[in-house]
Amino acid sequence: MKVRALITLVVGKGKQIAPNGVCDVSDAEAKRLISLGYAESLKKTAQPPVEVTEIEEDESDGNGDKQPIQPNGQTGNVQK
């Protein structure tokens, strides 16, 4: 299993893996390193689906700040 080192790891016979380095270790060793917080799995895990919500309709006339757009040539406070 491939893991990404979070700290410097020594694997095999003195081979060092720097933080953020990727190495291939046995499944048992990978689980041990991950449980100790020394590495993270690179195996893709099923992630929960992202919840999609509906976009609220606003009365901003498309300017994005929810403030009414003043007609050309007018200044001052615009009332709805």
N, C-alpha and C. Protein backbone atom coordinates (compact mmCIF):
# COMPACT_ATOMS: atom_id res chain seq x y z
N MET A 1 0.85 -1.17 0.00
CA MET A 1 0.00 0.00 0.00
C MET A 1 0.90 1.24 0.00
N LYS A 2 0.52 2.24 -0.76
CA LYS A 2 1.29 3.47 -0.81
C LYS A 2 0.82 4.41 0.29
N VAL A 3 1.81 5.02 0.97
CA VAL A 3 1.52 5.98 2.02
C VAL A 3 2.38 7.22 1.80
N ARG A 4 1.91 8.34 2.33
CA ARG A 4 2.69 9.58 2.32
C ARG A 4 3.16 9.81 3.74
N ALA A 5 4.47 9.98 3.90
CA ALA A 5 5.06 10.20 5.21
C ALA A 5 4.70 11.58 5.74
N LEU A 6 4.31 11.64 7.01
CA LEU A 6 4.04 12.91 7.66
C LEU A 6 5.26 13.36 8.47
N ILE A 7 6.14 12.40 8.78
CA ILE A 7 7.40 12.67 9.45
C ILE A 7 8.46 11.87 8.69
N THR A 8 9.73 12.03 9.02
CA THR A 8 10.75 11.22 8.37
C THR A 8 10.59 9.77 8.83
N LEU A 9 10.43 8.88 7.89
CA LEU A 9 10.26 7.45 8.19
C LEU A 9 11.49 6.68 7.74
N VAL A 10 11.82 5.63 8.49
CA VAL A 10 12.88 4.72 8.08
C VAL A 10 12.20 3.41 7.70
N VAL A 11 12.32 3.04 6.45
CA VAL A 11 11.70 1.80 5.96
C VAL A 11 12.79 0.91 5.38
N GLY A 12 12.52 -0.37 5.36
CA GLY A 12 13.51 -1.30 4.80
C GLY A 12 14.81 -1.27 5.59
N LYS A 13 15.92 -1.37 4.89
CA LYS A 13 17.23 -1.38 5.54
C LYS A 13 17.84 0.00 5.52
N GLY A 14 17.35 0.87 6.41
CA GLY A 14 17.93 2.19 6.54
C GLY A 14 17.50 3.19 5.49
N LYS A 15 16.51 2.88 4.69
CA LYS A 15 16.03 3.81 3.67
C LYS A 15 15.13 4.85 4.35
N GLN A 16 15.46 6.14 4.20
CA GLN A 16 14.68 7.20 4.82
C GLN A 16 13.73 7.83 3.82
N ILE A 17 12.52 8.09 4.30
CA ILE A 17 11.50 8.76 3.50
C ILE A 17 11.22 10.09 4.20
N ALA A 18 11.49 11.19 3.52
CA ALA A 18 11.28 12.53 4.08
C ALA A 18 9.79 12.84 4.18
N PRO A 19 9.42 13.79 5.03
CA PRO A 19 8.01 14.20 5.09
C PRO A 19 7.48 14.57 3.71
N ASN A 20 6.26 14.16 3.44
CA ASN A 20 5.57 14.32 2.16
C ASN A 20 6.10 13.37 1.10
N GLY A 21 7.07 12.53 1.44
CA GLY A 21 7.55 11.51 0.51
C GLY A 21 6.57 10.36 0.46
N VAL A 22 6.57 9.67 -0.66
CA VAL A 22 5.66 8.55 -0.87
C VAL A 22 6.47 7.27 -0.90
N CYS A 23 5.95 6.24 -0.21
CA CYS A 23 6.62 4.94 -0.25
C CYS A 23 5.57 3.83 -0.25
N ASP A 24 6.00 2.66 -0.64
CA ASP A 24 5.12 1.49 -0.71
C ASP A 24 5.51 0.56 0.42
N VAL A 25 4.58 0.25 1.31
CA VAL A 25 4.82 -0.65 2.44
C VAL A 25 3.70 -1.69 2.48
N SER A 26 3.90 -2.72 3.29
CA SER A 26 2.87 -3.75 3.42
C SER A 26 1.61 -3.14 4.02
N ASP A 27 0.47 -3.79 3.81
CA ASP A 27 -0.79 -3.29 4.34
C ASP A 27 -0.75 -3.17 5.85
N ALA A 28 -0.18 -4.16 6.53
CA ALA A 28 -0.10 -4.14 7.99
C ALA A 28 0.75 -2.97 8.47
N GLU A 29 1.90 -2.74 7.83
CA GLU A 29 2.77 -1.64 8.21
C GLU A 29 2.10 -0.30 7.91
N ALA A 30 1.41 -0.22 6.80
CA ALA A 30 0.70 1.02 6.45
C ALA A 30 -0.35 1.35 7.50
N LYS A 31 -1.12 0.36 7.90
CA LYS A 31 -2.15 0.58 8.92
C LYS A 31 -1.52 1.03 10.24
N ARG A 32 -0.38 0.45 10.59
CA ARG A 32 0.31 0.81 11.83
C ARG A 32 0.81 2.26 11.76
N LEU A 33 1.45 2.62 10.65
CA LEU A 33 1.98 3.97 10.50
C LEU A 33 0.85 5.01 10.51
N ILE A 34 -0.26 4.68 9.86
CA ILE A 34 -1.40 5.60 9.81
C ILE A 34 -2.02 5.75 11.19
N SER A 35 -2.18 4.64 11.92
CA SER A 35 -2.79 4.70 13.26
C SER A 35 -1.92 5.49 14.24
N LEU A 36 -0.61 5.49 14.03
CA LEU A 36 0.29 6.25 14.89
C LEU A 36 0.39 7.72 14.49
N GLY A 37 -0.18 8.07 13.33
CA GLY A 37 -0.14 9.43 12.86
C GLY A 37 1.16 9.78 12.16
N TYR A 38 1.91 8.77 11.73
CA TYR A 38 3.19 8.98 11.05
C TYR A 38 3.05 9.07 9.54
N ALA A 39 1.91 8.60 9.00
CA ALA A 39 1.72 8.58 7.56
C ALA A 39 0.23 8.68 7.26
N GLU A 40 -0.07 8.97 6.00
CA GLU A 40 -1.46 8.98 5.55
C GLU A 40 -1.58 8.12 4.31
N SER A 41 -2.72 7.51 4.15
CA SER A 41 -2.95 6.60 3.03
C SER A 41 -3.09 7.36 1.73
N LEU A 42 -2.54 6.81 0.67
CA LEU A 42 -2.76 7.37 -0.66
C LEU A 42 -3.83 6.59 -1.41
N LYS A 43 -4.31 5.54 -0.78
CA LYS A 43 -5.38 4.75 -1.38
C LYS A 43 -6.64 5.59 -1.37
N LYS A 44 -7.30 5.65 -2.50
CA LYS A 44 -8.51 6.44 -2.60
C LYS A 44 -9.59 5.77 -1.78
N THR A 45 -10.18 6.55 -0.89
CA THR A 45 -11.26 6.04 -0.06
C THR A 45 -12.55 6.66 -0.54
N ALA A 46 -13.62 5.97 -0.27
CA ALA A 46 -14.93 6.50 -0.65
C ALA A 46 -15.24 7.70 0.21
N GLN A 47 -15.46 8.83 -0.41
CA GLN A 47 -15.78 10.04 0.33
C GLN A 47 -17.28 10.27 0.23
N PRO A 48 -17.85 10.79 1.31
CA PRO A 48 -19.29 11.04 1.27
C PRO A 48 -19.61 12.06 0.18
N PRO A 49 -20.76 11.89 -0.46
CA PRO A 49 -21.12 12.83 -1.53
C PRO A 49 -21.32 14.24 -0.96
N VAL A 50 -21.02 15.22 -1.75
CA VAL A 50 -21.20 16.61 -1.35
C VAL A 50 -22.66 16.96 -1.50
N GLU A 51 -23.22 17.54 -0.45
CA GLU A 51 -24.64 17.90 -0.49
C GLU A 51 -24.81 19.18 -1.31
N VAL A 52 -25.70 19.11 -2.27
CA VAL A 52 -25.95 20.25 -3.14
C VAL A 52 -27.22 20.93 -2.66
N THR A 53 -27.12 22.22 -2.43
CA THR A 53 -28.30 22.96 -2.01
C THR A 53 -28.70 23.93 -3.11
N GLU A 54 -29.96 24.30 -3.09
CA GLU A 54 -30.44 25.22 -4.11
C GLU A 54 -29.95 26.62 -3.79
N ILE A 55 -29.67 27.38 -4.82
CA ILE A 55 -29.23 28.76 -4.66
C ILE A 55 -30.45 29.63 -4.43
N GLU A 56 -30.38 30.44 -3.39
CA GLU A 56 -31.50 31.33 -3.10
C GLU A 56 -31.58 32.43 -4.15
N GLU A 57 -32.79 32.75 -4.52
CA GLU A 57 -32.99 33.86 -5.45
C GLU A 57 -32.87 35.15 -4.66
N ASP A 58 -32.13 36.09 -5.18
CA ASP A 58 -32.06 37.39 -4.51
C ASP A 58 -32.57 38.46 -5.45
N GLU A 59 -32.70 39.64 -4.92
CA GLU A 59 -33.23 40.76 -5.71
C GLU A 59 -32.11 41.74 -6.02
N SER A 60 -30.93 41.26 -6.31
CA SER A 60 -29.78 42.14 -6.48
C SER A 60 -29.62 42.62 -7.92
N ASP A 61 -30.46 42.20 -8.80
CA ASP A 61 -30.34 42.56 -10.22
C ASP A 61 -29.01 42.13 -10.80
N GLY A 62 -28.41 41.08 -10.25
CA GLY A 62 -27.19 40.52 -10.81
C GLY A 62 -25.90 41.16 -10.38
N ASN A 63 -25.91 42.13 -9.47
CA ASN A 63 -24.65 42.74 -9.08
C ASN A 63 -23.97 42.01 -7.93
N GLY A 64 -24.62 41.00 -7.33
CA GLY A 64 -23.98 40.11 -6.38
C GLY A 64 -23.92 40.60 -4.95
N ASP A 65 -24.26 41.85 -4.67
CA ASP A 65 -24.18 42.31 -3.29
C ASP A 65 -25.54 42.54 -2.65
N LYS A 66 -26.57 42.08 -3.29
CA LYS A 66 -27.96 42.17 -2.82
C LYS A 66 -28.39 43.61 -2.58
N GLN A 67 -27.77 44.53 -3.28
CA GLN A 67 -28.19 45.93 -3.25
C GLN A 67 -28.76 46.26 -4.62
N PRO A 68 -29.84 47.02 -4.64
CA PRO A 68 -30.42 47.37 -5.94
C PRO A 68 -29.48 48.26 -6.74
N ILE A 69 -29.54 48.11 -8.02
CA ILE A 69 -28.71 48.93 -8.91
C ILE A 69 -29.47 50.20 -9.23
N GLN A 70 -28.78 51.34 -9.10
CA GLN A 70 -29.42 52.62 -9.38
C GLN A 70 -29.49 52.84 -10.88
N PRO A 71 -30.60 53.42 -11.34
CA PRO A 71 -30.70 53.76 -12.76
C PRO A 71 -29.63 54.79 -13.13
N ASN A 72 -29.24 54.81 -14.38
CA ASN A 72 -28.22 55.76 -14.84
C ASN A 72 -28.63 57.19 -14.56
N GLY A 73 -27.68 57.98 -14.09
CA GLY A 73 -27.91 59.40 -13.87
C GLY A 73 -28.49 59.73 -12.51
N GLN A 74 -28.84 58.73 -11.71
CA GLN A 74 -29.41 59.01 -10.40
C GLN A 74 -28.39 58.67 -9.32
N THR A 75 -28.38 59.48 -8.29
CA THR A 75 -27.50 59.23 -7.15
C THR A 75 -28.35 59.26 -5.88
N GLY A 76 -27.74 58.86 -4.79
CA GLY A 76 -28.43 58.92 -3.51
C GLY A 76 -28.97 57.56 -3.11
N ASN A 77 -29.80 57.56 -2.11
CA ASN A 77 -30.35 56.34 -1.51
C ASN A 77 -31.48 55.81 -2.39
N VAL A 78 -31.39 54.55 -2.76
CA VAL A 78 -32.41 53.92 -3.59
C VAL A 78 -33.31 53.09 -2.68
N GLN A 79 -34.60 53.33 -2.73
CA GLN A 79 -35.57 52.58 -1.94
C GLN A 79 -36.24 51.55 -2.82
N LYS A 80 -36.52 50.41 -2.23
CA LYS A 80 -37.23 49.36 -2.97
C LYS A 80 -38.71 49.62 -2.97
